[in-house]
Amino acid sequence: MARLGFMTYGILKAGFGDPSVQGFVDRIANIFDVAKEPEDLSIVRGQVGLTGAPGFPPRFSDGFEKRTVGRLSIWEDIDAVSIFALQGVHSEALHKRPEWFEPSEHPDHVGWRIDEDHIPTWAEACERL
């Protein structure tokens, strides 16, 4: 059965440690914990986390490395991603995104079908973004 590889990406308005983005940084652990808890999101499956060396999509790699935030994950389907993204802790952070992240004319996420046994890499995700 096919699954969904999914990467999100953004450039913070300031570097880690800057008070203006601390609200986002403080939420990272809680957001990732929710995605890993099967009792909360039983439709999330497989590995959720980084695979391979984190990469930068070419259009984002010019001097922004210290302000980039990315996440590479595996999901059952797009409905699972939507439930995670639009509810709870992640939903709150998503609504505050304009406070913490630079605006961009480019996509900030990409999803694609993957085989059941395939583990996507950062390089693969960056090519698709």
N, C-alpha and C. Protein backbone atom coordinates (compact mmCIF):
# COMPACT_ATOMS: atom_id res chain seq x y z
N MET A 1 0.84 -1.19 0.00
CA MET A 1 0.00 0.00 0.00
C MET A 1 0.89 1.25 0.00
N ALA A 2 0.56 2.20 -0.82
CA ALA A 2 1.34 3.43 -0.91
C ALA A 2 1.11 4.31 0.31
N ARG A 3 2.12 5.05 0.64
CA ARG A 3 2.04 6.03 1.72
C ARG A 3 2.39 7.39 1.15
N LEU A 4 2.53 8.38 2.03
CA LEU A 4 2.80 9.74 1.59
C LEU A 4 4.07 10.25 2.27
N GLY A 5 5.05 10.63 1.46
CA GLY A 5 6.20 11.36 1.98
C GLY A 5 5.81 12.83 2.03
N PHE A 6 6.23 13.52 3.08
CA PHE A 6 5.81 14.91 3.23
C PHE A 6 6.94 15.72 3.85
N MET A 7 7.26 16.85 3.24
CA MET A 7 8.27 17.75 3.79
C MET A 7 7.68 19.15 3.91
N THR A 8 7.96 19.78 5.04
CA THR A 8 7.64 21.19 5.23
C THR A 8 8.95 21.94 5.41
N TYR A 9 8.93 23.22 5.03
CA TYR A 9 10.17 23.97 5.03
C TYR A 9 9.87 25.45 5.22
N GLY A 10 10.72 26.14 5.95
CA GLY A 10 10.53 27.57 6.11
C GLY A 10 11.80 28.25 6.59
N ILE A 11 11.81 29.56 6.47
CA ILE A 11 12.94 30.37 6.93
C ILE A 11 12.43 31.29 8.03
N LEU A 12 13.00 31.13 9.22
CA LEU A 12 12.61 31.97 10.35
C LEU A 12 12.99 33.43 10.08
N LYS A 13 12.26 34.34 10.69
CA LYS A 13 12.57 35.77 10.55
C LYS A 13 13.86 36.14 11.27
N ALA A 14 14.24 35.35 12.26
CA ALA A 14 15.46 35.57 13.03
C ALA A 14 16.06 34.21 13.38
N GLY A 15 17.30 34.20 13.81
CA GLY A 15 17.96 32.95 14.15
C GLY A 15 17.46 32.33 15.44
N PHE A 16 17.74 31.04 15.60
CA PHE A 16 17.38 30.35 16.83
C PHE A 16 18.03 31.09 18.00
N GLY A 17 17.29 31.23 19.08
CA GLY A 17 17.77 31.96 20.24
C GLY A 17 17.28 33.40 20.28
N ASP A 18 16.80 33.90 19.16
CA ASP A 18 16.25 35.26 19.13
C ASP A 18 14.85 35.24 19.76
N PRO A 19 14.57 36.17 20.67
CA PRO A 19 13.26 36.19 21.34
C PRO A 19 12.07 36.28 20.38
N SER A 20 12.25 36.86 19.21
CA SER A 20 11.13 37.02 18.29
C SER A 20 10.63 35.71 17.69
N VAL A 21 11.45 34.65 17.73
CA VAL A 21 11.02 33.35 17.21
C VAL A 21 10.94 32.28 18.30
N GLN A 22 11.16 32.69 19.55
CA GLN A 22 11.18 31.72 20.64
C GLN A 22 9.84 31.01 20.82
N GLY A 23 8.75 31.69 20.53
CA GLY A 23 7.44 31.06 20.62
C GLY A 23 7.33 29.84 19.72
N PHE A 24 7.92 29.91 18.54
CA PHE A 24 7.95 28.75 17.65
C PHE A 24 8.86 27.67 18.22
N VAL A 25 10.06 28.05 18.60
CA VAL A 25 11.04 27.08 19.11
C VAL A 25 10.47 26.33 20.31
N ASP A 26 9.77 27.03 21.18
CA ASP A 26 9.18 26.40 22.37
C ASP A 26 8.12 25.36 22.01
N ARG A 27 7.53 25.44 20.84
CA ARG A 27 6.47 24.51 20.44
C ARG A 27 6.99 23.29 19.67
N ILE A 28 8.21 23.31 19.21
CA ILE A 28 8.72 22.24 18.35
C ILE A 28 8.57 20.87 19.00
N ALA A 29 9.06 20.69 20.20
CA ALA A 29 9.01 19.37 20.84
C ALA A 29 7.58 18.88 21.00
N ASN A 30 6.67 19.74 21.42
CA ASN A 30 5.28 19.33 21.59
C ASN A 30 4.64 18.94 20.27
N ILE A 31 4.92 19.68 19.22
CA ILE A 31 4.36 19.36 17.91
C ILE A 31 4.85 18.00 17.44
N PHE A 32 6.14 17.73 17.55
CA PHE A 32 6.68 16.45 17.12
C PHE A 32 6.17 15.31 18.00
N ASP A 33 6.03 15.55 19.31
CA ASP A 33 5.51 14.51 20.20
C ASP A 33 4.10 14.10 19.80
N VAL A 34 3.26 15.05 19.44
CA VAL A 34 1.89 14.72 19.04
C VAL A 34 1.91 13.82 17.82
N ALA A 35 2.77 14.09 16.87
CA ALA A 35 2.84 13.29 15.65
C ALA A 35 3.31 11.87 15.92
N LYS A 36 4.03 11.66 17.01
CA LYS A 36 4.57 10.34 17.32
C LYS A 36 3.64 9.50 18.20
N GLU A 37 2.59 10.08 18.73
CA GLU A 37 1.73 9.36 19.67
C GLU A 37 0.58 8.67 18.94
N PRO A 38 0.67 7.33 18.80
CA PRO A 38 -0.37 6.63 18.05
C PRO A 38 -1.75 6.75 18.69
N GLU A 39 -1.82 6.90 20.00
CA GLU A 39 -3.14 7.05 20.62
C GLU A 39 -3.79 8.38 20.25
N ASP A 40 -3.00 9.38 19.92
CA ASP A 40 -3.53 10.68 19.50
C ASP A 40 -3.76 10.73 18.00
N LEU A 41 -2.86 10.14 17.25
CA LEU A 41 -2.96 10.15 15.79
C LEU A 41 -2.67 8.75 15.27
N SER A 42 -3.62 7.85 15.44
CA SER A 42 -3.39 6.46 15.08
C SER A 42 -3.17 6.29 13.58
N ILE A 43 -3.55 7.29 12.78
CA ILE A 43 -3.37 7.17 11.34
C ILE A 43 -1.97 7.61 10.89
N VAL A 44 -1.18 8.15 11.79
CA VAL A 44 0.21 8.43 11.46
C VAL A 44 0.95 7.11 11.58
N ARG A 45 1.78 6.81 10.60
CA ARG A 45 2.43 5.52 10.62
C ARG A 45 3.87 5.62 10.16
N GLY A 46 4.65 4.68 10.55
CA GLY A 46 6.03 4.62 10.09
C GLY A 46 6.90 5.62 10.81
N GLN A 47 7.99 5.97 10.19
CA GLN A 47 8.94 6.88 10.81
C GLN A 47 8.50 8.32 10.59
N VAL A 48 8.57 9.06 11.64
CA VAL A 48 8.35 10.50 11.55
C VAL A 48 9.65 11.12 12.02
N GLY A 49 10.33 11.80 11.16
CA GLY A 49 11.60 12.40 11.56
C GLY A 49 12.52 12.59 10.38
N LEU A 50 13.74 12.92 10.69
CA LEU A 50 14.71 13.24 9.66
C LEU A 50 15.29 11.97 9.05
N THR A 51 15.53 12.00 7.74
CA THR A 51 16.22 10.90 7.07
C THR A 51 17.28 11.49 6.16
N GLY A 52 18.47 11.03 6.34
CA GLY A 52 19.57 11.58 5.56
C GLY A 52 20.00 12.92 6.13
N ALA A 53 21.01 13.48 5.52
CA ALA A 53 21.48 14.80 5.96
C ALA A 53 20.47 15.85 5.52
N PRO A 54 20.02 16.69 6.45
CA PRO A 54 19.06 17.73 6.07
C PRO A 54 19.62 18.56 4.91
N GLY A 55 18.76 18.80 3.95
CA GLY A 55 19.17 19.57 2.79
C GLY A 55 18.38 20.85 2.68
N PHE A 56 18.81 21.69 1.79
CA PHE A 56 18.13 22.95 1.55
C PHE A 56 17.69 22.99 0.10
N PRO A 57 16.43 23.25 -0.16
CA PRO A 57 16.04 23.47 -1.55
C PRO A 57 16.90 24.60 -2.11
N PRO A 58 17.36 24.48 -3.34
CA PRO A 58 18.30 25.47 -3.89
C PRO A 58 17.88 26.92 -3.70
N ARG A 59 16.63 27.22 -3.86
CA ARG A 59 16.20 28.63 -3.75
C ARG A 59 16.26 29.16 -2.32
N PHE A 60 16.44 28.27 -1.33
CA PHE A 60 16.50 28.69 0.06
C PHE A 60 17.90 28.62 0.64
N SER A 61 18.90 28.25 -0.15
CA SER A 61 20.21 27.94 0.43
C SER A 61 21.20 29.11 0.42
N ASP A 62 20.79 30.27 0.05
CA ASP A 62 21.72 31.39 -0.05
C ASP A 62 21.74 32.22 1.24
N GLY A 63 22.49 31.72 2.23
CA GLY A 63 22.66 32.47 3.46
C GLY A 63 21.59 32.28 4.52
N PHE A 64 20.64 31.40 4.27
CA PHE A 64 19.55 31.21 5.23
C PHE A 64 19.72 29.98 6.11
N GLU A 65 20.80 29.24 5.94
CA GLU A 65 20.96 27.95 6.61
C GLU A 65 20.71 28.00 8.11
N LYS A 66 21.12 29.07 8.77
CA LYS A 66 20.98 29.14 10.23
C LYS A 66 19.58 29.53 10.68
N ARG A 67 18.71 29.82 9.71
CA ARG A 67 17.33 30.19 10.06
C ARG A 67 16.30 29.24 9.45
N THR A 68 16.76 28.13 8.88
CA THR A 68 15.82 27.23 8.22
C THR A 68 15.26 26.21 9.19
N VAL A 69 14.02 25.85 8.93
CA VAL A 69 13.34 24.81 9.69
C VAL A 69 12.70 23.88 8.68
N GLY A 70 12.93 22.59 8.83
CA GLY A 70 12.33 21.62 7.93
C GLY A 70 11.93 20.37 8.67
N ARG A 71 10.99 19.65 8.09
CA ARG A 71 10.56 18.38 8.68
C ARG A 71 10.22 17.44 7.55
N LEU A 72 10.72 16.23 7.64
CA LEU A 72 10.45 15.19 6.67
C LEU A 72 9.75 14.06 7.40
N SER A 73 8.60 13.64 6.89
CA SER A 73 7.82 12.63 7.60
C SER A 73 7.12 11.69 6.63
N ILE A 74 6.59 10.61 7.17
CA ILE A 74 5.84 9.62 6.40
C ILE A 74 4.45 9.51 7.01
N TRP A 75 3.43 9.51 6.16
CA TRP A 75 2.04 9.48 6.59
C TRP A 75 1.27 8.42 5.81
N GLU A 76 0.16 7.99 6.38
CA GLU A 76 -0.72 7.05 5.68
C GLU A 76 -1.30 7.67 4.42
N ASP A 77 -1.76 8.93 4.54
CA ASP A 77 -2.41 9.60 3.41
C ASP A 77 -2.54 11.09 3.72
N ILE A 78 -3.07 11.83 2.76
CA ILE A 78 -3.20 13.28 2.92
C ILE A 78 -4.18 13.64 4.03
N ASP A 79 -5.18 12.80 4.27
CA ASP A 79 -6.12 13.07 5.37
C ASP A 79 -5.40 13.08 6.71
N ALA A 80 -4.45 12.17 6.89
CA ALA A 80 -3.68 12.12 8.14
C ALA A 80 -2.87 13.40 8.33
N VAL A 81 -2.28 13.89 7.25
CA VAL A 81 -1.52 15.14 7.31
C VAL A 81 -2.44 16.29 7.69
N SER A 82 -3.61 16.34 7.06
CA SER A 82 -4.57 17.43 7.33
C SER A 82 -5.02 17.43 8.78
N ILE A 83 -5.33 16.27 9.30
CA ILE A 83 -5.78 16.19 10.70
C ILE A 83 -4.68 16.69 11.63
N PHE A 84 -3.45 16.24 11.40
CA PHE A 84 -2.34 16.69 12.24
C PHE A 84 -2.11 18.19 12.11
N ALA A 85 -2.10 18.70 10.87
CA ALA A 85 -1.75 20.10 10.63
C ALA A 85 -2.81 21.07 11.12
N LEU A 86 -4.06 20.68 11.08
CA LEU A 86 -5.15 21.63 11.32
C LEU A 86 -5.81 21.49 12.68
N GLN A 87 -5.23 20.67 13.56
CA GLN A 87 -5.79 20.52 14.90
C GLN A 87 -4.69 20.68 15.95
N GLY A 88 -5.09 21.03 17.14
CA GLY A 88 -4.20 21.04 18.28
C GLY A 88 -3.03 22.00 18.20
N VAL A 89 -1.91 21.56 18.76
CA VAL A 89 -0.71 22.38 18.89
C VAL A 89 -0.21 22.86 17.53
N HIS A 90 -0.21 21.98 16.54
CA HIS A 90 0.28 22.36 15.22
C HIS A 90 -0.60 23.43 14.59
N SER A 91 -1.90 23.32 14.76
CA SER A 91 -2.82 24.32 14.21
C SER A 91 -2.52 25.71 14.77
N GLU A 92 -2.29 25.76 16.08
CA GLU A 92 -1.97 27.04 16.72
C GLU A 92 -0.69 27.63 16.11
N ALA A 93 0.33 26.79 15.97
CA ALA A 93 1.59 27.26 15.40
C ALA A 93 1.42 27.68 13.94
N LEU A 94 0.61 26.95 13.21
CA LEU A 94 0.37 27.29 11.81
C LEU A 94 -0.26 28.68 11.67
N HIS A 95 -1.18 28.98 12.55
CA HIS A 95 -1.83 30.30 12.51
C HIS A 95 -0.86 31.44 12.88
N LYS A 96 0.17 31.11 13.66
CA LYS A 96 1.15 32.13 14.05
C LYS A 96 2.35 32.17 13.11
N ARG A 97 2.34 31.35 12.09
CA ARG A 97 3.46 31.29 11.15
C ARG A 97 3.91 32.66 10.66
N PRO A 98 3.00 33.57 10.28
CA PRO A 98 3.45 34.89 9.80
C PRO A 98 4.28 35.67 10.81
N GLU A 99 4.11 35.39 12.10
CA GLU A 99 4.90 36.08 13.13
C GLU A 99 6.35 35.59 13.14
N TRP A 100 6.56 34.32 12.79
CA TRP A 100 7.86 33.70 12.96
C TRP A 100 8.64 33.46 11.69
N PHE A 101 7.95 33.32 10.55
CA PHE A 101 8.60 32.92 9.31
C PHE A 101 8.54 34.01 8.25
N GLU A 102 9.60 34.04 7.43
CA GLU A 102 9.65 34.95 6.30
C GLU A 102 8.55 34.56 5.31
N PRO A 103 7.90 35.55 4.72
CA PRO A 103 6.96 35.22 3.65
C PRO A 103 7.74 34.71 2.43
N SER A 104 7.10 33.87 1.63
CA SER A 104 7.77 33.32 0.46
C SER A 104 6.79 33.21 -0.70
N GLU A 105 7.30 33.42 -1.87
CA GLU A 105 6.51 33.22 -3.08
C GLU A 105 6.52 31.76 -3.49
N HIS A 106 7.34 30.96 -2.85
CA HIS A 106 7.53 29.56 -3.22
C HIS A 106 6.75 28.65 -2.27
N PRO A 107 6.46 27.42 -2.72
CA PRO A 107 5.79 26.46 -1.84
C PRO A 107 6.63 26.19 -0.59
N ASP A 108 5.95 25.95 0.53
CA ASP A 108 6.65 25.64 1.78
C ASP A 108 6.44 24.19 2.20
N HIS A 109 5.79 23.41 1.34
CA HIS A 109 5.61 21.99 1.64
C HIS A 109 5.43 21.21 0.35
N VAL A 110 5.68 19.91 0.44
CA VAL A 110 5.49 19.02 -0.70
C VAL A 110 5.11 17.64 -0.17
N GLY A 111 4.19 17.00 -0.84
CA GLY A 111 3.79 15.64 -0.52
C GLY A 111 3.82 14.80 -1.79
N TRP A 112 4.19 13.53 -1.65
CA TRP A 112 4.23 12.64 -2.81
C TRP A 112 4.06 11.20 -2.35
N ARG A 113 3.51 10.38 -3.24
CA ARG A 113 3.28 8.97 -2.94
C ARG A 113 4.60 8.23 -2.89
N ILE A 114 4.71 7.34 -1.91
CA ILE A 114 5.90 6.49 -1.79
C ILE A 114 5.45 5.06 -1.57
N ASP A 115 6.30 4.11 -1.94
CA ASP A 115 6.01 2.71 -1.69
C ASP A 115 6.06 2.43 -0.20
N GLU A 116 5.38 1.36 0.21
CA GLU A 116 5.28 0.98 1.63
C GLU A 116 6.64 0.88 2.31
N ASP A 117 7.63 0.36 1.61
CA ASP A 117 8.93 0.14 2.24
C ASP A 117 9.95 1.25 1.96
N HIS A 118 9.53 2.29 1.27
CA HIS A 118 10.46 3.37 0.92
C HIS A 118 10.57 4.40 2.04
N ILE A 119 11.78 4.78 2.36
CA ILE A 119 12.04 5.86 3.31
C ILE A 119 12.58 7.04 2.51
N PRO A 120 11.83 8.14 2.41
CA PRO A 120 12.30 9.27 1.62
C PRO A 120 13.49 9.96 2.27
N THR A 121 14.29 10.60 1.46
CA THR A 121 15.45 11.34 1.95
C THR A 121 15.21 12.84 1.76
N TRP A 122 16.03 13.63 2.45
CA TRP A 122 15.96 15.08 2.28
C TRP A 122 16.23 15.47 0.84
N ALA A 123 17.22 14.82 0.23
CA ALA A 123 17.56 15.15 -1.16
C ALA A 123 16.36 14.92 -2.07
N GLU A 124 15.69 13.81 -1.88
CA GLU A 124 14.50 13.50 -2.68
C GLU A 124 13.42 14.55 -2.48
N ALA A 125 13.19 14.92 -1.23
CA ALA A 125 12.16 15.92 -0.93
C ALA A 125 12.51 17.28 -1.53
N CYS A 126 13.77 17.68 -1.43
CA CYS A 126 14.20 18.98 -1.97
C CYS A 126 14.03 19.02 -3.48
N GLU A 127 14.27 17.91 -4.15
CA GLU A 127 14.07 17.86 -5.60
C GLU A 127 12.61 18.10 -5.96
N ARG A 128 11.71 17.62 -5.11
CA ARG A 128 10.28 17.74 -5.40
C ARG A 128 9.72 19.10 -5.02
N LEU A 129 10.36 19.79 -4.11
CA LEU A 129 9.88 21.11 -3.69
C LEU A 129 10.28 22.09 -4.74
